[in-house]
Amino acid sequence: MDLSVRDSARLLNVSEKSIYRWIKEGKLPAYRVSDQYRFNRAELLEWATSQRINVAAEIFVEPHNGHHPLGLADALRAGGIHYRVGGSDKDEALRAVVDLMPLAEQVDRRFLLQVLLARESLGSTAIGNGIALPHVRNPVVMHVSRPMVTLCFLEKPVEFGALDGQAVHTLFTMLSPTVRAHLHTLARLSHALQQPAFAQMIRGQGNREQILAACEAIDSSVPGSAPDSS
């Protein structure tokens, strides 16, 4: 648990009073450690994404060991964009996504599906408006070499347990080699989904070239953007 109330308030651009209110209302995931509230950075960012809260720009420029993490456009190129993906329920949709992901031969797809489903059992990754962000609870478990985001537009919307009650038609499935890379990718994706033009393009299922171009524009607009040096 690496964040204090003050840290969390700064990253979410809100007052500490708001943080305490959300904790009291049971909305914000928090842990009591030595009579103080602490927060998991990944859980906080996931929660902010589901609540459509714009995080502070510093989330994009934290130290990353001298390497610039891949932008959202590169992660999408690595993971692929797919249309009319099948599945009559959450399990079938995720199975179809896993089958489409460009994974190395040594990656056990059956195990990946189990891990994704286990993450969903802890709480839906649906963030509302028909969008879900499936990901593994521990990003390093898959041993992928670089972040990837696989975007799948479902042929038919499926029930995902979203808080707004809407069925999900769009899945951004994330795999990352490290927790830091996962946080960076999630922050980029969260930022992109806050942009009205990008959100509209996703709702309209724009073509690959349009989506990638929009992601490149968003990548270049966030603080700390630079070519990948890994």
Protein backbone atom coordinates (compact mmCIF):
# COMPACT_ATOMS: atom_id res chain seq x y z
CA MET A 1 0.00 0.00 0.00
CA ASP A 2 2.12 2.88 -1.26
CA LEU A 3 -0.15 5.94 -1.15
CA SER A 4 -1.35 8.12 1.73
CA VAL A 5 -4.54 10.16 1.85
CA ARG A 6 -2.55 13.23 0.82
CA ASP A 7 -0.90 11.37 -2.09
CA SER A 8 -4.26 10.10 -3.29
CA ALA A 9 -5.89 13.50 -3.07
CA ARG A 10 -3.06 14.98 -5.13
CA LEU A 11 -3.25 12.31 -7.82
CA LEU A 12 -7.04 12.60 -8.10
CA ASN A 13 -7.01 16.40 -8.02
CA VAL A 14 -9.43 16.53 -5.09
CA SER A 15 -9.33 17.61 -1.45
CA GLU A 16 -8.39 15.25 1.37
CA LYS A 17 -11.93 15.82 2.69
CA SER A 18 -13.26 14.22 -0.53
CA ILE A 19 -10.99 11.21 0.00
CA TYR A 20 -12.27 10.70 3.54
CA ARG A 21 -15.87 11.11 2.38
CA TRP A 22 -15.45 8.48 -0.33
CA ILE A 23 -13.89 6.10 2.19
CA LYS A 24 -16.78 6.64 4.61
CA GLU A 25 -19.29 6.02 1.83
CA GLY A 26 -17.49 2.79 0.92
CA LYS A 27 -16.73 4.00 -2.59
CA LEU A 28 -12.95 4.23 -2.54
CA PRO A 29 -10.78 1.10 -2.02
CA ALA A 30 -8.67 1.80 1.07
CA TYR A 31 -6.74 -0.14 3.72
CA ARG A 32 -6.23 0.69 7.39
CA VAL A 33 -2.55 0.38 8.30
CA SER A 34 -1.37 1.53 11.76
CA ASP A 35 -4.49 3.70 12.16
CA GLN A 36 -3.87 5.41 8.83
CA TYR A 37 -5.55 4.89 5.48
CA ARG A 38 -3.33 3.61 2.69
CA PHE A 39 -4.09 2.98 -0.96
CA ASN A 40 -2.86 0.66 -3.68
CA ARG A 41 -1.82 2.75 -6.68
CA ALA A 42 -3.24 0.32 -9.26
CA GLU A 43 -6.58 0.03 -7.45
CA LEU A 44 -6.79 3.80 -7.08
CA LEU A 45 -6.17 4.35 -10.77
CA GLU A 46 -8.65 1.64 -11.74
CA TRP A 47 -11.25 3.28 -9.48
CA ALA A 48 -10.57 6.72 -10.93
CA THR A 49 -11.02 5.31 -14.43
CA SER A 50 -14.37 3.75 -13.53
CA GLN A 51 -15.50 7.05 -11.99
CA ARG A 52 -14.21 9.08 -14.96
CA ILE A 53 -11.99 11.16 -12.70
CA ASN A 54 -9.09 12.87 -14.44
CA VAL A 55 -5.86 12.01 -12.63
CA ALA A 56 -3.06 14.50 -12.14
CA ALA A 57 -0.52 14.86 -14.93
CA GLU A 58 2.29 13.61 -12.66
CA ILE A 59 1.00 10.04 -13.04
CA PHE A 60 2.53 10.13 -16.54
CA VAL A 61 5.97 11.35 -15.52
CA GLU A 62 6.90 9.19 -12.54
CA PRO A 63 10.44 7.70 -12.64
CA HIS A 64 10.68 4.57 -14.76
CA ASN A 65 14.28 3.41 -14.54
CA GLY A 66 15.49 5.42 -17.51
CA HIS A 67 13.10 3.80 -19.99
CA HIS A 68 10.15 5.53 -21.58
CA PRO A 69 7.14 3.19 -21.40
CA LEU A 70 5.29 2.47 -24.62
CA GLY A 71 2.47 4.84 -25.51
CA LEU A 72 -1.11 3.71 -25.98
CA ALA A 73 -0.76 3.55 -29.77
CA ASP A 74 2.23 1.18 -29.52
CA ALA A 75 0.44 -0.97 -26.92
CA LEU A 76 -2.57 -1.23 -29.25
CA ARG A 77 -0.35 -2.15 -32.18
CA ALA A 78 1.18 -4.88 -30.03
CA GLY A 79 -2.21 -6.21 -28.92
CA GLY A 80 -4.31 -5.68 -32.04
CA ILE A 81 -7.75 -4.28 -32.85
CA HIS A 82 -10.55 -6.71 -33.66
CA TYR A 83 -14.16 -6.36 -34.77
CA ARG A 84 -17.31 -8.51 -34.46
CA VAL A 85 -15.79 -10.67 -31.73
CA GLY A 86 -18.13 -13.43 -30.59
CA GLY A 87 -19.37 -14.49 -27.17
CA SER A 88 -22.81 -14.76 -25.58
CA ASP A 89 -21.64 -13.97 -22.03
CA LYS A 90 -18.62 -12.62 -20.15
CA ASP A 91 -16.76 -15.94 -20.03
CA GLU A 92 -17.19 -16.63 -23.74
CA ALA A 93 -16.24 -13.07 -24.70
CA LEU A 94 -13.05 -13.21 -22.64
CA ARG A 95 -12.22 -16.63 -24.09
CA ALA A 96 -12.60 -15.18 -27.59
CA VAL A 97 -10.35 -12.24 -26.67
CA VAL A 98 -7.63 -14.50 -25.27
CA ASP A 99 -7.73 -16.60 -28.45
CA LEU A 100 -7.14 -13.44 -30.51
CA MET A 101 -4.29 -12.01 -28.47
CA PRO A 102 -0.86 -12.24 -30.19
CA LEU A 103 0.89 -14.13 -27.40
CA ALA A 104 4.15 -16.04 -27.43
CA GLU A 105 3.86 -19.81 -27.75
CA GLN A 106 4.98 -20.39 -24.16
CA VAL A 107 2.09 -18.35 -22.75
CA ASP A 108 -0.66 -20.65 -21.45
CA ARG A 109 -3.86 -19.13 -22.86
CA ARG A 110 -6.05 -21.31 -20.67
CA PHE A 111 -4.25 -20.05 -17.58
CA LEU A 112 -4.53 -16.45 -18.80
CA LEU A 113 -8.30 -16.87 -19.18
CA GLN A 114 -8.54 -18.27 -15.65
CA VAL A 115 -6.57 -15.31 -14.29
CA LEU A 116 -8.76 -12.81 -16.13
CA LEU A 117 -11.91 -14.48 -14.83
CA ALA A 118 -10.46 -14.54 -11.31
CA ARG A 119 -9.87 -10.79 -11.56
CA GLU A 120 -13.50 -10.29 -12.65
CA SER A 121 -14.69 -12.29 -9.65
CA LEU A 122 -13.09 -9.66 -7.39
CA GLY A 123 -15.10 -6.92 -9.07
CA SER A 124 -16.14 -6.14 -12.61
CA THR A 125 -13.63 -4.29 -14.79
CA ALA A 126 -16.52 -2.65 -16.65
CA ILE A 127 -16.22 1.13 -16.31
CA GLY A 128 -19.59 2.09 -17.77
CA ASN A 129 -20.85 3.25 -21.17
CA GLY A 130 -20.40 -0.27 -22.54
CA ILE A 131 -16.62 -0.43 -21.96
CA ALA A 132 -14.57 -2.88 -19.84
CA LEU A 133 -10.83 -3.03 -19.15
CA PRO A 134 -9.99 -6.70 -18.42
CA HIS A 135 -6.53 -7.27 -16.96
CA VAL A 136 -4.72 -9.69 -14.71
CA ARG A 137 -4.46 -8.89 -11.01
CA ASN A 138 -0.69 -9.33 -11.04
CA PRO A 139 0.65 -7.85 -14.30
CA VAL A 140 3.92 -9.78 -14.20
CA VAL A 141 2.30 -13.21 -14.07
CA MET A 142 2.24 -13.57 -17.86
CA HIS A 143 5.88 -12.62 -18.44
CA VAL A 144 5.12 -10.63 -21.58
CA SER A 145 8.03 -8.56 -22.90
CA ARG A 146 6.17 -5.27 -23.36
CA PRO A 147 2.73 -3.78 -22.64
CA MET A 148 -0.07 -4.76 -24.96
CA VAL A 149 -3.68 -3.66 -25.22
CA THR A 150 -6.04 -5.78 -27.30
CA LEU A 151 -9.12 -3.82 -28.36
CA CYS A 152 -12.14 -5.98 -29.20
CA PHE A 153 -15.53 -4.77 -30.38
CA LEU A 154 -18.07 -7.47 -29.55
CA GLU A 155 -20.59 -8.67 -32.09
CA LYS A 156 -23.27 -8.59 -29.38
CA PRO A 157 -23.10 -6.69 -26.05
CA VAL A 158 -22.76 -8.95 -22.99
CA GLU A 159 -23.59 -8.49 -19.32
CA PHE A 160 -20.45 -7.58 -17.38
CA GLY A 161 -21.78 -6.41 -14.04
CA ALA A 162 -21.19 -2.74 -14.81
CA LEU A 163 -22.31 -0.28 -12.14
CA ASP A 164 -24.35 1.67 -14.68
CA GLY A 165 -26.15 -1.52 -15.72
CA GLN A 166 -25.10 -1.25 -19.36
CA ALA A 167 -24.01 -4.35 -21.24
CA VAL A 168 -20.43 -4.24 -22.54
CA HIS A 169 -19.67 -3.95 -26.24
CA THR A 170 -15.99 -2.89 -26.11
CA LEU A 171 -13.08 -4.58 -24.32
CA PHE A 172 -9.61 -3.10 -23.82
CA THR A 173 -7.69 -6.13 -22.49
CA MET A 174 -4.32 -5.20 -20.95
CA LEU A 175 -1.18 -7.25 -20.34
CA SER A 176 2.01 -5.69 -18.98
CA PRO A 177 5.46 -6.99 -17.98
CA THR A 178 5.57 -4.99 -14.72
CA VAL A 179 3.26 -3.23 -12.31
CA ARG A 180 4.76 0.11 -13.34
CA ALA A 181 4.07 -0.57 -17.02
CA HIS A 182 0.51 -1.61 -16.14
CA LEU A 183 -0.04 1.65 -14.25
CA HIS A 184 1.38 3.69 -17.11
CA THR A 185 -0.77 1.92 -19.72
CA LEU A 186 -3.89 2.20 -17.58
CA ALA A 187 -3.22 5.91 -17.03
CA ARG A 188 -2.84 6.47 -20.78
CA LEU A 189 -6.03 4.56 -21.52
CA SER A 190 -7.96 6.34 -18.78
CA HIS A 191 -6.79 9.69 -20.15
CA ALA A 192 -7.78 8.72 -23.69
CA LEU A 193 -11.28 7.66 -22.65
CA GLN A 194 -11.76 11.06 -21.01
CA GLN A 195 -11.34 12.73 -24.41
CA PRO A 196 -14.77 13.23 -26.06
CA ALA A 197 -13.49 12.73 -29.62
CA PHE A 198 -11.73 9.47 -28.72
CA ALA A 199 -14.71 8.19 -26.73
CA GLN A 200 -16.99 8.98 -29.67
CA MET A 201 -14.67 7.14 -32.06
CA ILE A 202 -14.75 4.06 -29.82
CA ARG A 203 -18.55 4.17 -29.58
CA GLY A 204 -18.67 4.38 -33.37
CA GLN A 205 -16.14 1.55 -33.77
CA GLY A 206 -13.79 3.59 -35.93
CA ASN A 207 -11.35 1.81 -38.21
CA ARG A 208 -7.86 0.76 -37.08
CA GLU A 209 -6.06 3.64 -38.76
CA GLN A 210 -8.36 6.23 -37.18
CA ILE A 211 -8.05 4.72 -33.71
CA LEU A 212 -4.26 4.43 -33.87
CA ALA A 213 -3.92 7.99 -35.19
CA ALA A 214 -6.10 9.27 -32.34
CA CYS A 215 -3.97 7.35 -29.83
CA GLU A 216 -0.77 8.81 -31.26
CA ALA A 217 -2.19 12.31 -30.91
CA ILE A 218 -3.16 11.63 -27.30
CA ASP A 219 0.26 10.08 -26.55
CA SER A 220 2.02 13.17 -27.86
CA SER A 221 -0.14 15.47 -25.74
CA VAL A 222 0.56 13.97 -22.30
CA PRO A 223 3.50 15.05 -20.11
CA GLY A 224 6.72 13.09 -20.42
CA SER A 225 5.98 11.72 -23.89
CA ALA A 226 9.07 10.48 -25.68
CA PRO A 227 10.07 7.65 -28.01
CA ASP A 228 10.51 4.26 -26.42
CA SER A 229 14.13 3.72 -25.49
CA SER A 230 13.96 0.11 -24.41
